[in-house]
């Protein structure tokens, strides 16, 4: 995978290519020093027959990016500037790897030090992602440490913002791995199912797709909303609901959905097997990759 990187200067509205392997960020930048910044990761697909490039849910991702910026009191990011940054990374990857059909781009907006700064770089779709799409994942449930719907009372916790403060998410992944699971599922302290560290949860119950209400204390998912937009075409209703762990275990199917992994089946939770729906898994993956 090509190590494509561009640096974004909001003050001058410029996008400049840079070397991903070279030092770029001062250690006192507030994103590195304080975790004070936001990010998004998008999946890029190239149609082999038409050569058309699709950035999956591009507008949804940027809308959430702007919402996260507002939550952190960052200056509103300019859509044209960030579009240029994404397009520059896409062009660099395609020039270096003409046969690339799928890769990711992560773009970040830091408070900086004296002024905000941003960057965007390419992310490969690794073997673990492909394996999860094919085989599904297992998970353990973890207490998130706060009651559901706390965010409405404590907006300073930034529960609905996609910040780069990811130490808890990383720790949850390590904790799951130590217990022989692939992933984890956060649950509020009062027992309401929330989300995975890097994904949203969707379950099927009969002819309904259900997902936790973002207001309960989780990030509003771009991939989840894309699926819900296409639920009717799949012959399904789509609803937000408060779910308990038993609802997930007893579901007719369950999925972690995210930009890079798309839709991966949750096959086992806390040692309890969950029904598989391989046909719907493939349909959800197709919906996502078409953007």
C-alpha atoms as a PDB file:
ATOM      1  CA  UNK A   1       0.000   0.000   0.000  1.00  0.00           C
ATOM      2  CA  UNK A   2       1.289   3.464  -0.911  1.00  0.00           C
ATOM      3  CA  UNK A   3       2.129   5.720   2.054  1.00  0.00           C
ATOM      4  CA  UNK A   4       0.271   8.766   0.769  1.00  0.00           C
ATOM      5  CA  UNK A   5       0.082  11.808   3.034  1.00  0.00           C
ATOM      6  CA  UNK A   6      -1.055  15.397   2.559  1.00  0.00           C
ATOM      7  CA  UNK A   7      -0.820  18.225   5.073  1.00  0.00           C
ATOM      8  CA  UNK A   8      -3.750  20.626   5.337  1.00  0.00           C
ATOM      9  CA  UNK A   9      -3.376  24.239   6.446  1.00  0.00           C
ATOM     10  CA  UNK A  10      -6.833  25.730   7.149  1.00  0.00           C
ATOM     11  CA  UNK A  11      -5.389  29.226   7.601  1.00  0.00           C
ATOM     12  CA  UNK A  12      -4.063  29.337   4.028  1.00  0.00           C
ATOM     13  CA  UNK A  13      -6.492  26.800   2.483  1.00  0.00           C
ATOM     14  CA  UNK A  14      -3.569  24.793   1.123  1.00  0.00           C
ATOM     15  CA  UNK A  15      -2.960  21.068   0.670  1.00  0.00           C
ATOM     16  CA  UNK A  16       0.639  19.897   0.353  1.00  0.00           C
ATOM     17  CA  UNK A  17       2.005  16.373  -0.210  1.00  0.00           C
ATOM     18  CA  UNK A  18       4.406  15.099   2.440  1.00  0.00           C
ATOM     19  CA  UNK A  19       6.353  12.023   3.417  1.00  0.00           C
ATOM     20  CA  UNK A  20       4.346   9.804   5.762  1.00  0.00           C
ATOM     21  CA  UNK A  21       7.524   8.188   7.066  1.00  0.00           C
ATOM     22  CA  UNK A  22       9.177  11.504   7.948  1.00  0.00           C
ATOM     23  CA  UNK A  23       8.564  13.560  11.129  1.00  0.00           C
ATOM     24  CA  UNK A  24       5.683  15.973  10.593  1.00  0.00           C
ATOM     25  CA  UNK A  25       4.111  16.798  13.945  1.00  0.00           C
ATOM     26  CA  UNK A  26       5.640  18.755  16.855  1.00  0.00           C
ATOM     27  CA  UNK A  27       5.328  16.800  20.083  1.00  0.00           C
ATOM     28  CA  UNK A  28       3.570  19.749  21.718  1.00  0.00           C
ATOM     29  CA  UNK A  29       0.830  19.785  19.083  1.00  0.00           C
ATOM     30  CA  UNK A  30      -2.377  19.523  21.107  1.00  0.00           C
ATOM     31  CA  UNK A  31      -3.540  16.458  19.199  1.00  0.00           C
ATOM     32  CA  UNK A  32      -0.428  14.537  20.237  1.00  0.00           C
ATOM     33  CA  UNK A  33      -0.031  16.131  23.665  1.00  0.00           C
ATOM     34  CA  UNK A  34      -3.692  16.295  24.718  1.00  0.00           C
ATOM     35  CA  UNK A  35      -5.661  14.208  22.218  1.00  0.00           C
ATOM     36  CA  UNK A  36      -7.377  17.451  21.217  1.00  0.00           C
ATOM     37  CA  UNK A  37      -8.614  16.793  17.707  1.00  0.00           C
ATOM     38  CA  UNK A  38     -11.049  14.852  15.562  1.00  0.00           C
ATOM     39  CA  UNK A  39     -10.833  12.392  12.679  1.00  0.00           C
ATOM     40  CA  UNK A  40     -12.777  10.347  10.155  1.00  0.00           C
ATOM     41  CA  UNK A  41     -11.896   7.253   8.138  1.00  0.00           C
ATOM     42  CA  UNK A  42     -13.518   6.650   4.754  1.00  0.00           C
ATOM     43  CA  UNK A  43     -13.466   3.631   2.470  1.00  0.00           C
ATOM     44  CA  UNK A  44     -12.473   4.278  -1.155  1.00  0.00           C
ATOM     45  CA  UNK A  45     -13.641   1.828  -3.830  1.00  0.00           C
ATOM     46  CA  UNK A  46     -12.614   1.762  -7.503  1.00  0.00           C
ATOM     47  CA  UNK A  47     -14.910  -0.005  -9.949  1.00  0.00           C
ATOM     48  CA  UNK A  48     -12.714  -2.264 -12.077  1.00  0.00           C
ATOM     49  CA  UNK A  49     -14.935  -2.084 -15.145  1.00  0.00           C
ATOM     50  CA  UNK A  50     -15.753   1.638 -15.222  1.00  0.00           C
ATOM     51  CA  UNK A  51     -12.727   2.940 -13.244  1.00  0.00           C
ATOM     52  CA  UNK A  52     -15.178   5.051 -11.218  1.00  0.00           C
ATOM     53  CA  UNK A  53     -13.911   6.084  -7.790  1.00  0.00           C
ATOM     54  CA  UNK A  54     -16.414   6.082  -4.924  1.00  0.00           C
ATOM     55  CA  UNK A  55     -15.686   7.496  -1.482  1.00  0.00           C
ATOM     56  CA  UNK A  56     -18.260   5.606   0.563  1.00  0.00           C
ATOM     57  CA  UNK A  57     -20.574   7.920   2.543  1.00  0.00           C
ATOM     58  CA  UNK A  58     -18.341  10.885   1.813  1.00  0.00           C
ATOM     59  CA  UNK A  59     -20.983  13.472   2.715  1.00  0.00           C
ATOM     60  CA  UNK A  60     -22.114  11.616   5.836  1.00  0.00           C
ATOM     61  CA  UNK A  61     -18.539  11.420   7.097  1.00  0.00           C
ATOM     62  CA  UNK A  62     -17.898  15.099   6.519  1.00  0.00           C
ATOM     63  CA  UNK A  63     -21.183  16.066   8.172  1.00  0.00           C
ATOM     64  CA  UNK A  64     -20.086  14.154  11.279  1.00  0.00           C
ATOM     65  CA  UNK A  65     -16.624  15.726  10.988  1.00  0.00           C
ATOM     66  CA  UNK A  66     -18.185  19.184  11.116  1.00  0.00           C
ATOM     67  CA  UNK A  67     -20.398  18.172  14.036  1.00  0.00           C
ATOM     68  CA  UNK A  68     -17.340  16.877  15.918  1.00  0.00           C
ATOM     69  CA  UNK A  69     -15.507  20.125  15.182  1.00  0.00           C
ATOM     70  CA  UNK A  70     -18.418  22.105  16.600  1.00  0.00           C
ATOM     71  CA  UNK A  71     -18.460  19.942  19.747  1.00  0.00           C
ATOM     72  CA  UNK A  72     -14.760  20.717  20.303  1.00  0.00           C
ATOM     73  CA  UNK A  73     -15.134  24.419  19.413  1.00  0.00           C
ATOM     74  CA  UNK A  74     -12.801  23.994  16.442  1.00  0.00           C
ATOM     75  CA  UNK A  75     -13.257  26.332  13.459  1.00  0.00           C
ATOM     76  CA  UNK A  76     -15.755  24.935  10.975  1.00  0.00           C
ATOM     77  CA  UNK A  77     -13.763  22.886   8.421  1.00  0.00           C
ATOM     78  CA  UNK A  78     -14.073  24.036   4.811  1.00  0.00           C
ATOM     79  CA  UNK A  79     -15.626  21.232   2.698  1.00  0.00           C
ATOM     80  CA  UNK A  80     -13.769  22.297  -0.453  1.00  0.00           C
ATOM     81  CA  UNK A  81     -10.401  22.200   1.312  1.00  0.00           C
ATOM     82  CA  UNK A  82     -10.924  18.754   2.795  1.00  0.00           C
ATOM     83  CA  UNK A  83     -12.334  17.432  -0.495  1.00  0.00           C
ATOM     84  CA  UNK A  84      -9.123  18.549  -2.176  1.00  0.00           C
ATOM     85  CA  UNK A  85      -7.130  16.723   0.461  1.00  0.00           C
ATOM     86  CA  UNK A  86      -9.034  13.463  -0.081  1.00  0.00           C
ATOM     87  CA  UNK A  87      -8.768  13.783  -3.839  1.00  0.00           C
ATOM     88  CA  UNK A  88      -5.019  14.378  -3.569  1.00  0.00           C
ATOM     89  CA  UNK A  89      -4.533  11.190  -1.534  1.00  0.00           C
ATOM     90  CA  UNK A  90      -6.690   9.215  -3.959  1.00  0.00           C
ATOM     91  CA  UNK A  91      -4.680  10.503  -6.917  1.00  0.00           C
ATOM     92  CA  UNK A  92      -1.381   9.631  -5.233  1.00  0.00           C
ATOM     93  CA  UNK A  93      -2.477   6.087  -4.371  1.00  0.00           C
ATOM     94  CA  UNK A  94      -3.836   5.467  -7.867  1.00  0.00           C
ATOM     95  CA  UNK A  95      -0.712   6.820  -9.518  1.00  0.00           C
ATOM     96  CA  UNK A  96       1.520   4.580  -7.450  1.00  0.00           C
ATOM     97  CA  UNK A  97      -0.802   1.549  -7.485  1.00  0.00           C
ATOM     98  CA  UNK A  98      -2.987   1.685 -10.617  1.00  0.00           C
ATOM     99  CA  UNK A  99      -4.623  -1.637  -9.771  1.00  0.00           C
ATOM    100  CA  UNK A 100      -5.813  -0.621  -6.311  1.00  0.00           C
ATOM    101  CA  UNK A 101      -9.536  -1.255  -5.964  1.00  0.00           C
ATOM    102  CA  UNK A 102     -10.045  -0.643  -2.243  1.00  0.00           C
ATOM    103  CA  UNK A 103      -8.273   1.386   0.426  1.00  0.00           C
ATOM    104  CA  UNK A 104      -9.055   3.783   3.216  1.00  0.00           C
ATOM    105  CA  UNK A 105      -8.247   7.408   3.951  1.00  0.00           C
ATOM    106  CA  UNK A 106      -8.007   8.793   7.466  1.00  0.00           C
ATOM    107  CA  UNK A 107      -8.281  12.551   7.824  1.00  0.00           C
ATOM    108  CA  UNK A 108      -7.568  14.425  11.031  1.00  0.00           C
ATOM    109  CA  UNK A 109      -8.143  17.950  12.302  1.00  0.00           C
ATOM    110  CA  UNK A 110      -5.988  19.060  15.248  1.00  0.00           C
ATOM    111  CA  UNK A 111      -6.248  22.141  17.399  1.00  0.00           C
ATOM    112  CA  UNK A 112      -2.537  22.388  16.682  1.00  0.00           C
ATOM    113  CA  UNK A 113      -0.539  24.732  18.863  1.00  0.00           C
ATOM    114  CA  UNK A 114      -0.717  28.258  17.522  1.00  0.00           C
ATOM    115  CA  UNK A 115      -3.377  27.407  14.932  1.00  0.00           C
ATOM    116  CA  UNK A 116      -5.404  24.381  13.794  1.00  0.00           C
ATOM    117  CA  UNK A 117      -3.824  21.984  11.312  1.00  0.00           C
ATOM    118  CA  UNK A 118      -4.941  18.882   9.454  1.00  0.00           C
ATOM    119  CA  UNK A 119      -3.699  15.934   7.472  1.00  0.00           C
ATOM    120  CA  UNK A 120      -4.975  12.956   5.501  1.00  0.00           C
ATOM    121  CA  UNK A 121      -3.249   9.675   4.673  1.00  0.00           C
ATOM    122  CA  UNK A 122      -3.983   6.332   3.051  1.00  0.00           C
ATOM    123  CA  UNK A 123      -4.893   3.238   5.064  1.00  0.00           C
ATOM    124  CA  UNK A 124      -4.680  -0.298   3.645  1.00  0.00           C
ATOM    125  CA  UNK A 125      -7.519  -2.796   3.846  1.00  0.00           C
ATOM    126  CA  UNK A 126      -5.565  -5.451   5.722  1.00  0.00           C
ATOM    127  CA  UNK A 127      -5.948  -9.205   5.993  1.00  0.00           C
ATOM    128  CA  UNK A 128      -7.689  -8.915   9.369  1.00  0.00           C
ATOM    129  CA  UNK A 129     -10.391  -6.752   7.791  1.00  0.00           C
ATOM    130  CA  UNK A 130     -10.923  -9.190   4.923  1.00  0.00           C
ATOM    131  CA  UNK A 131     -11.008 -12.123   7.335  1.00  0.00           C
ATOM    132  CA  UNK A 132     -13.592 -10.412   9.547  1.00  0.00           C
ATOM    133  CA  UNK A 133     -15.827  -9.719   6.571  1.00  0.00           C
ATOM    134  CA  UNK A 134     -15.653 -13.381   5.574  1.00  0.00           C
ATOM    135  CA  UNK A 135     -15.722 -15.150   8.940  1.00  0.00           C
ATOM    136  CA  UNK A 136     -17.323 -12.684  11.351  1.00  0.00           C
ATOM    137  CA  UNK A 137     -16.027 -11.829  14.823  1.00  0.00           C
ATOM    138  CA  UNK A 138     -16.524 -12.785  18.446  1.00  0.00           C
ATOM    139  CA  UNK A 139     -16.854 -10.230  21.236  1.00  0.00           C
ATOM    140  CA  UNK A 140     -17.007  -9.707  24.970  1.00  0.00           C
ATOM    141  CA  UNK A 141     -19.229  -7.098  26.618  1.00  0.00           C
ATOM    142  CA  UNK A 142     -17.595  -4.293  28.615  1.00  0.00           C
ATOM    143  CA  UNK A 143     -19.133  -1.804  31.051  1.00  0.00           C
ATOM    144  CA  UNK A 144     -18.586   1.656  29.536  1.00  0.00           C
ATOM    145  CA  UNK A 145     -18.644   3.213  33.004  1.00  0.00           C
ATOM    146  CA  UNK A 146     -21.570   5.605  32.611  1.00  0.00           C
ATOM    147  CA  UNK A 147     -25.350   5.329  32.473  1.00  0.00           C
ATOM    148  CA  UNK A 148     -27.210   5.562  29.186  1.00  0.00           C
ATOM    149  CA  UNK A 149     -28.215   9.043  27.962  1.00  0.00           C
ATOM    150  CA  UNK A 150     -25.566  10.757  30.093  1.00  0.00           C
ATOM    151  CA  UNK A 151     -24.405  12.854  27.131  1.00  0.00           C
ATOM    152  CA  UNK A 152     -27.508  15.058  27.231  1.00  0.00           C
ATOM    153  CA  UNK A 153     -26.631  16.000  30.818  1.00  0.00           C
ATOM    154  CA  UNK A 154     -22.862  16.245  30.319  1.00  0.00           C
ATOM    155  CA  UNK A 155     -22.049  17.487  26.796  1.00  0.00           C
ATOM    156  CA  UNK A 156     -18.448  18.214  27.852  1.00  0.00           C
ATOM    157  CA  UNK A 157     -17.810  14.460  27.816  1.00  0.00           C
ATOM    158  CA  UNK A 158     -17.939  14.670  23.976  1.00  0.00           C
ATOM    159  CA  UNK A 159     -19.685  11.295  23.798  1.00  0.00           C
ATOM    160  CA  UNK A 160     -21.094  11.983  20.314  1.00  0.00           C
ATOM    161  CA  UNK A 161     -17.884  13.430  18.854  1.00  0.00           C
ATOM    162  CA  UNK A 162     -15.314  11.365  16.951  1.00  0.00           C
ATOM    163  CA  UNK A 163     -12.198  12.556  18.750  1.00  0.00           C
ATOM    164  CA  UNK A 164      -8.681  11.179  18.467  1.00  0.00           C
ATOM    165  CA  UNK A 165      -8.705  10.341  22.206  1.00  0.00           C
ATOM    166  CA  UNK A 166      -8.759   6.617  21.531  1.00  0.00           C
ATOM    167  CA  UNK A 167      -6.862   5.164  24.500  1.00  0.00           C
ATOM    168  CA  UNK A 168     -10.028   3.576  25.937  1.00  0.00           C
ATOM    169  CA  UNK A 169     -10.962   2.073  22.561  1.00  0.00           C
ATOM    170  CA  UNK A 170      -7.499   0.600  22.177  1.00  0.00           C
ATOM    171  CA  UNK A 171      -7.550  -0.752  25.723  1.00  0.00           C
ATOM    172  CA  UNK A 172     -10.916  -2.409  25.054  1.00  0.00           C
ATOM    173  CA  UNK A 173      -9.431  -4.202  22.043  1.00  0.00           C
ATOM    174  CA  UNK A 174      -6.502  -5.478  24.076  1.00  0.00           C
ATOM    175  CA  UNK A 175      -8.793  -6.602  26.889  1.00  0.00           C
ATOM    176  CA  UNK A 176     -10.933  -8.559  24.417  1.00  0.00           C
ATOM    177  CA  UNK A 177      -7.888 -10.180  22.832  1.00  0.00           C
ATOM    178  CA  UNK A 178      -6.579 -11.263  26.235  1.00  0.00           C
ATOM    179  CA  UNK A 179      -9.867 -13.109  26.714  1.00  0.00           C
ATOM    180  CA  UNK A 180      -9.753 -14.832  23.354  1.00  0.00           C
ATOM    181  CA  UNK A 181     -12.257 -12.570  21.586  1.00  0.00           C
ATOM    182  CA  UNK A 182     -11.861 -10.527  18.409  1.00  0.00           C
ATOM    183  CA  UNK A 183     -13.689  -7.421  19.609  1.00  0.00           C
ATOM    184  CA  UNK A 184     -15.702  -5.909  22.413  1.00  0.00           C
ATOM    185  CA  UNK A 185     -19.147  -4.403  22.873  1.00  0.00           C
ATOM    186  CA  UNK A 186     -19.628  -1.444  25.198  1.00  0.00           C
ATOM    187  CA  UNK A 187     -22.669  -1.493  27.495  1.00  0.00           C
ATOM    188  CA  UNK A 188     -23.818   1.392  29.677  1.00  0.00           C
ATOM    189  CA  UNK A 189     -23.490   0.987  33.440  1.00  0.00           C
ATOM    190  CA  UNK A 190     -27.277   0.502  33.623  1.00  0.00           C
ATOM    191  CA  UNK A 191     -27.252  -2.253  31.012  1.00  0.00           C
ATOM    192  CA  UNK A 192     -28.082  -0.563  27.687  1.00  0.00           C
ATOM    193  CA  UNK A 193     -26.054  -1.819  24.719  1.00  0.00           C
ATOM    194  CA  UNK A 194     -24.028   0.976  23.099  1.00  0.00           C
ATOM    195  CA  UNK A 195     -21.404   0.238  20.413  1.00  0.00           C
ATOM    196  CA  UNK A 196     -18.111  -1.440  19.620  1.00  0.00           C
ATOM    197  CA  UNK A 197     -14.864   0.515  20.127  1.00  0.00           C
ATOM    198  CA  UNK A 198     -14.676   1.174  16.366  1.00  0.00           C
ATOM    199  CA  UNK A 199     -18.118   0.169  15.122  1.00  0.00           C
ATOM    200  CA  UNK A 200     -21.865   0.395  15.540  1.00  0.00           C
ATOM    201  CA  UNK A 201     -24.066  -2.595  16.299  1.00  0.00           C
ATOM    202  CA  UNK A 202     -27.071  -3.645  14.239  1.00  0.00           C
ATOM    203  CA  UNK A 203     -29.246  -6.672  15.009  1.00  0.00           C
ATOM    204  CA  UNK A 204     -32.059  -8.317  13.053  1.00  0.00           C
ATOM    205  CA  UNK A 205     -35.251  -9.332  14.788  1.00  0.00           C
ATOM    206  CA  UNK A 206     -37.648 -10.812  12.274  1.00  0.00           C
ATOM    207  CA  UNK A 207     -38.115  -8.258   9.526  1.00  0.00           C
ATOM    208  CA  UNK A 208     -36.639  -5.389  11.553  1.00  0.00           C
ATOM    209  CA  UNK A 209     -33.130  -4.009  11.819  1.00  0.00           C
ATOM    210  CA  UNK A 210     -32.475  -2.482  15.240  1.00  0.00           C
ATOM    211  CA  UNK A 211     -29.590  -0.333  16.428  1.00  0.00           C
ATOM    212  CA  UNK A 212     -28.949   1.553  19.683  1.00  0.00           C
ATOM    213  CA  UNK A 213     -30.103   5.151  19.843  1.00  0.00           C
ATOM    214  CA  UNK A 214     -27.035   7.423  19.476  1.00  0.00           C
ATOM    215  CA  UNK A 215     -28.448   9.620  22.241  1.00  0.00           C
ATOM    216  CA  UNK A 216     -27.927   6.706  24.648  1.00  0.00           C
ATOM    217  CA  UNK A 217     -24.205   7.470  24.599  1.00  0.00           C
ATOM    218  CA  UNK A 218     -22.515   6.456  21.382  1.00  0.00           C
ATOM    219  CA  UNK A 219     -21.194   7.828  18.116  1.00  0.00           C
ATOM    220  CA  UNK A 220     -23.744   8.290  15.341  1.00  0.00           C
ATOM    221  CA  UNK A 221     -22.575   5.852  12.674  1.00  0.00           C
ATOM    222  CA  UNK A 222     -22.198   6.798   9.026  1.00  0.00           C
ATOM    223  CA  UNK A 223     -22.231   3.137   7.925  1.00  0.00           C
ATOM    224  CA  UNK A 224     -25.230   2.353  10.121  1.00  0.00           C
ATOM    225  CA  UNK A 225     -27.179   5.226   8.560  1.00  0.00           C
ATOM    226  CA  UNK A 226     -26.222   4.069   5.064  1.00  0.00           C
ATOM    227  CA  UNK A 227     -27.646   0.630   5.842  1.00  0.00           C
ATOM    228  CA  UNK A 228     -30.809   2.104   7.325  1.00  0.00           C
ATOM    229  CA  UNK A 229     -31.291   4.211   4.190  1.00  0.00           C
ATOM    230  CA  UNK A 230     -31.353   0.970   2.152  1.00  0.00           C
ATOM    231  CA  UNK A 231     -33.293  -1.187   4.617  1.00  0.00           C
ATOM    232  CA  UNK A 232     -36.588  -0.882   2.736  1.00  0.00           C
ATOM    233  CA  UNK A 233     -34.945  -2.158  -0.474  1.00  0.00           C
ATOM    234  CA  UNK A 234     -33.842  -5.209   1.531  1.00  0.00           C
ATOM    235  CA  UNK A 235     -37.411  -5.809   2.660  1.00  0.00           C
ATOM    236  CA  UNK A 236     -36.704  -4.691   6.219  1.00  0.00           C
ATOM    237  CA  UNK A 237     -37.830  -1.984   8.602  1.00  0.00           C
ATOM    238  CA  UNK A 238     -35.167  -0.027  10.488  1.00  0.00           C
ATOM    239  CA  UNK A 239     -35.530   1.349  13.996  1.00  0.00           C
ATOM    240  CA  UNK A 240     -33.533   2.819  16.880  1.00  0.00           C
ATOM    241  CA  UNK A 241     -34.108   1.026  20.166  1.00  0.00           C
ATOM    242  CA  UNK A 242     -32.673   0.456  23.613  1.00  0.00           C
ATOM    243  CA  UNK A 243     -31.186  -3.043  23.554  1.00  0.00           C
ATOM    244  CA  UNK A 244     -29.936  -5.340  26.289  1.00  0.00           C
ATOM    245  CA  UNK A 245     -27.297  -8.035  25.987  1.00  0.00           C
ATOM    246  CA  UNK A 246     -30.018 -10.679  25.819  1.00  0.00           C
ATOM    247  CA  UNK A 247     -31.489  -8.962  22.768  1.00  0.00           C
ATOM    248  CA  UNK A 248     -28.167  -9.330  20.968  1.00  0.00           C
ATOM    249  CA  UNK A 249     -27.625 -12.967  21.923  1.00  0.00           C
ATOM    250  CA  UNK A 250     -31.207 -13.913  20.947  1.00  0.00           C
ATOM    251  CA  UNK A 251     -31.195 -11.942  17.684  1.00  0.00           C
ATOM    252  CA  UNK A 252     -31.747 -13.478  14.250  1.00  0.00           C
ATOM    253  CA  UNK A 253     -28.443 -11.909  13.268  1.00  0.00           C
ATOM    254  CA  UNK A 254     -26.029  -9.284  14.585  1.00  0.00           C
ATOM    255  CA  UNK A 255     -23.362  -7.166  12.908  1.00  0.00           C
ATOM    256  CA  UNK A 256     -20.621  -4.714  13.753  1.00  0.00           C
ATOM    257  CA  UNK A 257     -20.693  -2.078  10.994  1.00  0.00           C
ATOM    258  CA  UNK A 258     -17.939   0.421  10.199  1.00  0.00           C
ATOM    259  CA  UNK A 259     -16.261   2.120   7.275  1.00  0.00           C
ATOM    260  CA  UNK A 260     -13.360  -0.255   6.732  1.00  0.00           C
ATOM    261  CA  UNK A 261     -14.787  -3.585   7.831  1.00  0.00           C
ATOM    262  CA  UNK A 262     -18.194  -2.729   6.284  1.00  0.00           C
ATOM    263  CA  UNK A 263     -20.596  -5.260   7.926  1.00  0.00           C
ATOM    264  CA  UNK A 264     -19.122  -8.171   9.858  1.00  0.00           C
ATOM    265  CA  UNK A 265     -21.246 -10.780  11.567  1.00  0.00           C
ATOM    266  CA  UNK A 266     -21.078 -10.946  15.354  1.00  0.00           C
ATOM    267  CA  UNK A 267     -21.010 -14.704  15.810  1.00  0.00           C
ATOM    268  CA  UNK A 268     -20.552 -15.010  19.574  1.00  0.00           C
ATOM    269  CA  UNK A 269     -20.976 -12.658  22.537  1.00  0.00           C
ATOM    270  CA  UNK A 270     -19.608 -13.511  25.985  1.00  0.00           C
ATOM    271  CA  UNK A 271     -19.346 -17.148  24.917  1.00  0.00           C
ATOM    272  CA  UNK A 272     -22.950 -17.268  23.681  1.00  0.00           C
ATOM    273  CA  UNK A 273     -23.390 -18.145  19.976  1.00  0.00           C
ATOM    274  CA  UNK A 274     -25.519 -15.802  17.852  1.00  0.00           C
ATOM    275  CA  UNK A 275     -27.574 -16.822  14.831  1.00  0.00           C
ATOM    276  CA  UNK A 276     -25.870 -16.322  11.475  1.00  0.00           C
ATOM    277  CA  UNK A 277     -27.532 -14.707   8.488  1.00  0.00           C
ATOM    278  CA  UNK A 278     -24.911 -15.144   5.785  1.00  0.00           C
ATOM    279  CA  UNK A 279     -27.185 -13.942   2.985  1.00  0.00           C
ATOM    280  CA  UNK A 280     -28.000 -10.670   4.744  1.00  0.00           C
ATOM    281  CA  UNK A 281     -24.334 -10.219   5.665  1.00  0.00           C
ATOM    282  CA  UNK A 282     -23.457 -10.275   1.964  1.00  0.00           C
ATOM    283  CA  UNK A 283     -26.325  -7.924   1.135  1.00  0.00           C
ATOM    284  CA  UNK A 284     -25.210  -5.428   3.785  1.00  0.00           C
ATOM    285  CA  UNK A 285     -21.626  -5.555   2.556  1.00  0.00           C
ATOM    286  CA  UNK A 286     -22.821  -4.912  -1.012  1.00  0.00           C
ATOM    287  CA  UNK A 287     -24.930  -1.943   0.116  1.00  0.00           C
ATOM    288  CA  UNK A 288     -21.951  -0.401   1.898  1.00  0.00           C
ATOM    289  CA  UNK A 289     -19.337  -0.908  -0.787  1.00  0.00           C
ATOM    290  CA  UNK A 290     -21.632   0.631  -3.411  1.00  0.00           C
ATOM    291  CA  UNK A 291     -21.710   3.736  -1.242  1.00  0.00           C
END
